[in-house]
Every structure is written in C-alpha cells, then in structure tokens.
Amino acid sequence: MLEIIKQPWSWYVAGILIGLTVPALLLLGNKPFGISSSLKHMCAACMPAKIPLFQYNWKREAWNLFFVAGILIGGFVAGQFLGGNQPVHIAERTKEQLQTLGLTDFSTLLPLDVFGTSQIFTVRGLIFLVFGGLMVGFGTRYADGCTSGHSIMGLSNLQWPSLVATICFMVGGFFSTWVLLPLIFQLF
C-alpha cells in the first residue's frame, strides 16, 4: 500500500479525489470547501483590533483552520517521507521554453533560479515573492475566494460568480504565463 501512495497519481485519480471532498464536506457538515477563508479566520482570531471585516464568530469556522493545518502537515509528511527522491518530471518542450527565459535548475519542485534563497533579495525575487504574493492576496479578496473555493466548490454548486471568477483566474494565468513572465525575465 505504501508503494502506491509513494507513486505519482494520475490527474484523473487525484482530480476525482479532490472533487469528492466537495460532497463529503457538504454531507458531513454543510461546510464549504476553500482555503482563502482560512486566512480571514486566522486574522479574526489573532487581531484584537476592531476591524469590521474580522468581527464575526470565527470559532464556528475553526474546522477550516484544522483543515489547513492538515494540509500543511500532510504536505510535510508527503515531502519528507513519501517523496521517493525522484526528480520532478517536466516535459522537454517546457524545459526548452523555460531555458530561453534563463531557468536552468530543474532539480526541485520550484525552480531555484526564481525561488531559491539566493533570489530573495534580488529585484526578480522581490517581484515574484513580494509583489506576486500581494497580488494573489488582493485578487483572492477581490474575487471573494480562491481557485479552490470558486473552481472546485462554486462550480460544483453551479454558482454563476464562481464561473466568472474561474474564467478570470484562467485568463489571468494565461496572460501572466505568456506575457508577464517573459517580460519580467527579460527586464531582470
């Protein structure tokens, strides 16, 4: 059984399992699936200020904090004990395209040419880590949810705002990948 868990799973198996979390959460407790709301709950729990956004009964949603803690712990366990020490498989065409941008190290899950510790205090690192993180946070708040909440939970419930948000996520991702990313790599 452990050997099955250690192997990479096909997208159609993993996708179905992720998709089954939606009805499981709904059936087991009428709970919505999403990750970005957890940050709001953490802020409400930790911030003593009288900010209207954080004034609600966050304890009713404490299960979500345990869910996120489980994701973090599960990710750590999988990375440390179930990784298999195999290199990340990247298609040759993708490697060629990334090499034209100056990315050469494909030994880890995230390219060290961008996300390594040596890149933290560079202009490129500032753009990707700080500005990119702020934009993700802003977009998540502006869309009133993240990709898991809208694209998995919202679409499965046939919610129109989630369809619009998912389309915007995809368009933004394509634009960032094909226009912004090469531009940033050319400038810095």
Protein backbone atom coordinates (compact mmCIF):
# COMPACT_ATOMS: atom_id res chain seq x y z
CA MET A 1 0.00 0.00 0.00
CA LEU A 2 2.84 2.38 0.87
CA GLU A 3 4.33 1.90 -2.62
CA ILE A 4 1.04 3.00 -4.20
CA ILE A 5 0.98 6.13 -2.05
CA LYS A 6 4.60 6.97 -2.93
CA GLN A 7 3.98 6.93 -6.69
CA PRO A 8 2.72 9.99 -8.58
CA TRP A 9 -1.00 9.68 -9.15
CA SER A 10 -2.63 10.31 -12.47
CA TRP A 11 -4.56 13.55 -12.82
CA TYR A 12 -7.86 11.74 -13.27
CA VAL A 13 -7.46 9.83 -9.99
CA ALA A 14 -6.26 12.82 -7.98
CA GLY A 15 -8.86 15.08 -9.60
CA ILE A 16 -11.71 12.74 -8.68
CA LEU A 17 -10.47 12.50 -5.09
CA ILE A 18 -10.25 16.29 -4.82
CA GLY A 19 -13.70 16.57 -6.38
CA LEU A 20 -15.11 14.15 -3.82
CA THR A 21 -14.11 16.49 -0.99
CA VAL A 22 -16.95 18.83 -2.01
CA PRO A 23 -19.84 16.42 -1.44
CA ALA A 24 -18.05 14.92 1.58
CA LEU A 25 -17.81 18.33 3.26
CA LEU A 26 -21.38 19.19 2.34
CA LEU A 27 -22.77 15.86 3.54
CA LEU A 28 -20.71 15.66 6.71
CA GLY A 29 -21.47 19.12 7.99
CA ASN A 30 -22.69 21.53 5.33
CA LYS A 31 -19.19 23.01 5.12
CA PRO A 32 -17.89 24.91 2.08
CA PHE A 33 -14.53 23.94 0.58
CA GLY A 34 -11.95 26.72 0.24
CA ILE A 35 -8.61 27.76 1.59
CA SER A 36 -8.51 31.56 1.39
CA SER A 37 -11.22 31.96 4.02
CA SER A 38 -8.80 30.38 6.50
CA LEU A 39 -6.59 33.47 6.38
CA LYS A 40 -9.61 35.59 7.30
CA HIS A 41 -10.37 33.25 10.21
CA MET A 42 -6.74 33.38 11.40
CA CYS A 43 -6.77 37.18 11.25
CA ALA A 44 -10.07 37.32 13.14
CA ALA A 45 -8.64 35.03 15.81
CA CYS A 46 -5.33 36.87 16.16
CA MET A 47 -6.17 40.54 15.62
CA PRO A 48 -7.58 42.31 18.67
CA ALA A 49 -8.33 45.47 16.66
CA LYS A 50 -11.91 46.46 15.94
CA ILE A 51 -11.71 45.91 12.19
CA PRO A 52 -15.26 45.30 10.90
CA LEU A 53 -14.16 42.60 8.44
CA PHE A 54 -12.83 40.48 11.30
CA GLN A 55 -15.72 40.93 13.71
CA TYR A 56 -17.69 37.71 13.42
CA ASN A 57 -17.82 34.39 15.22
CA TRP A 58 -14.69 32.83 13.73
CA LYS A 59 -14.89 29.93 16.19
CA ARG A 60 -17.80 28.49 14.18
CA GLU A 61 -15.36 28.11 11.29
CA ALA A 62 -12.47 26.72 13.35
CA TRP A 63 -12.77 23.41 11.48
CA ASN A 64 -11.32 25.26 8.47
CA LEU A 65 -8.17 26.07 10.45
CA PHE A 66 -7.74 22.38 11.29
CA PHE A 67 -8.28 21.58 7.60
CA VAL A 68 -5.45 23.94 6.60
CA ALA A 69 -3.21 22.58 9.37
CA GLY A 70 -3.89 19.09 7.98
CA ILE A 71 -2.88 20.25 4.50
CA LEU A 72 0.39 21.67 5.85
CA ILE A 73 1.17 18.60 7.95
CA GLY A 74 0.19 16.27 5.11
CA GLY A 75 2.39 18.20 2.69
CA PHE A 76 5.32 17.99 5.09
CA VAL A 77 4.83 14.25 5.67
CA ALA A 78 4.48 13.58 1.95
CA GLY A 79 7.55 15.66 1.11
CA GLN A 80 9.73 14.18 3.83
CA PHE A 81 8.65 10.55 3.85
CA LEU A 82 6.75 9.77 0.65
CA GLY A 83 8.71 11.77 -1.93
CA GLY A 84 10.62 8.88 -3.42
CA ASN A 85 13.69 11.06 -4.18
CA GLN A 86 12.77 11.21 -7.85
CA PRO A 87 13.39 14.32 -9.90
CA VAL A 88 10.44 16.43 -10.97
CA HIS A 89 9.22 15.35 -14.40
CA ILE A 90 8.97 18.28 -16.78
CA ALA A 91 8.16 17.92 -20.47
CA GLU A 92 11.13 18.58 -22.76
CA ARG A 93 9.31 21.35 -24.63
CA THR A 94 8.53 23.09 -21.35
CA LYS A 95 12.19 22.80 -20.30
CA GLU A 96 13.26 24.35 -23.61
CA GLN A 97 10.86 27.26 -23.17
CA LEU A 98 11.97 27.82 -19.57
CA GLN A 99 15.63 27.68 -20.60
CA THR A 100 15.02 30.51 -23.08
CA LEU A 101 13.92 32.56 -20.06
CA GLY A 102 17.10 31.68 -18.18
CA LEU A 103 15.80 28.92 -15.93
CA THR A 104 18.27 26.06 -15.81
CA ASP A 105 17.84 24.27 -12.47
CA PHE A 106 15.00 21.73 -12.64
CA SER A 107 16.15 19.60 -9.71
CA THR A 108 13.48 20.73 -7.24
CA LEU A 109 9.74 21.28 -7.30
CA LEU A 110 10.18 25.07 -7.63
CA PRO A 111 12.96 26.44 -9.84
CA LEU A 112 15.81 27.66 -7.65
CA ASP A 113 16.61 30.26 -10.33
CA VAL A 114 13.50 32.11 -9.12
CA PHE A 115 12.60 30.75 -5.68
CA GLY A 116 16.00 29.89 -4.22
CA THR A 117 17.28 31.67 -1.13
CA SER A 118 19.84 33.50 -3.26
CA GLN A 119 16.98 35.16 -5.16
CA ILE A 120 15.10 36.57 -2.17
CA PHE A 121 16.81 39.98 -2.14
CA THR A 122 17.03 40.46 -5.89
CA VAL A 123 14.65 42.56 -7.98
CA ARG A 124 13.30 39.39 -9.60
CA GLY A 125 12.75 37.81 -6.17
CA LEU A 126 11.01 40.95 -4.95
CA ILE A 127 8.68 40.90 -7.94
CA PHE A 128 7.84 37.20 -7.71
CA LEU A 129 7.70 36.73 -3.95
CA VAL A 130 6.52 40.06 -2.55
CA PHE A 131 4.59 41.72 -5.36
CA GLY A 132 3.25 38.39 -6.63
CA GLY A 133 2.13 37.42 -3.14
CA LEU A 134 0.38 40.75 -2.64
CA MET A 135 -1.38 40.41 -5.99
CA VAL A 136 -2.56 36.89 -5.15
CA GLY A 137 -3.86 38.12 -1.80
CA PHE A 138 -5.57 41.12 -3.38
CA GLY A 139 -7.11 39.01 -6.14
CA THR A 140 -8.35 36.44 -3.67
CA ARG A 141 -10.00 39.10 -1.56
CA TYR A 142 -11.40 40.93 -4.60
CA ALA A 143 -12.86 37.72 -6.04
CA ASP A 144 -14.18 36.78 -2.57
CA GLY A 145 -12.43 33.43 -2.76
CA CYS A 146 -9.60 31.45 -4.25
CA THR A 147 -9.34 28.89 -7.01
CA SER A 148 -10.26 26.01 -4.72
CA GLY A 149 -13.31 27.77 -3.37
CA HIS A 150 -14.60 29.02 -6.72
CA SER A 151 -13.31 26.43 -9.19
CA ILE A 152 -13.97 23.33 -7.09
CA MET A 153 -16.74 24.27 -4.69
CA GLY A 154 -18.51 27.05 -6.58
CA LEU A 155 -18.61 25.36 -9.97
CA SER A 156 -19.85 22.12 -8.47
CA ASN A 157 -22.73 24.12 -6.97
CA LEU A 158 -23.38 25.80 -10.34
CA GLN A 159 -22.72 29.30 -8.99
CA TRP A 160 -22.51 31.99 -11.67
CA PRO A 161 -19.97 34.18 -9.75
CA SER A 162 -17.68 31.16 -9.45
CA LEU A 163 -17.80 30.58 -13.21
CA VAL A 164 -16.87 34.22 -13.82
CA ALA A 165 -14.10 34.06 -11.21
CA THR A 166 -12.71 30.81 -12.66
CA ILE A 167 -12.66 32.27 -16.17
CA CYS A 168 -10.83 35.32 -14.82
CA PHE A 169 -8.36 33.09 -12.97
CA MET A 170 -7.61 31.22 -16.18
CA VAL A 171 -7.29 34.35 -18.34
CA GLY A 172 -5.03 35.93 -15.72
CA GLY A 173 -2.91 32.79 -15.55
CA PHE A 174 -2.51 32.60 -19.32
CA PHE A 175 -1.68 36.31 -19.53
CA SER A 176 0.85 36.03 -16.72
CA THR A 177 2.49 32.94 -18.22
CA TRP A 178 2.72 34.08 -21.82
CA VAL A 179 3.11 37.88 -21.44
CA LEU A 180 4.22 38.97 -17.96
CA LEU A 181 6.62 36.14 -17.16
CA PRO A 182 8.78 36.56 -20.28
CA LEU A 183 8.70 40.34 -19.82
CA ILE A 184 9.89 40.11 -16.21
CA PHE A 185 12.67 37.69 -17.17
CA GLN A 186 13.81 39.98 -19.98
CA LEU A 187 13.94 43.03 -17.71
CA PHE A 188 15.66 41.40 -14.75
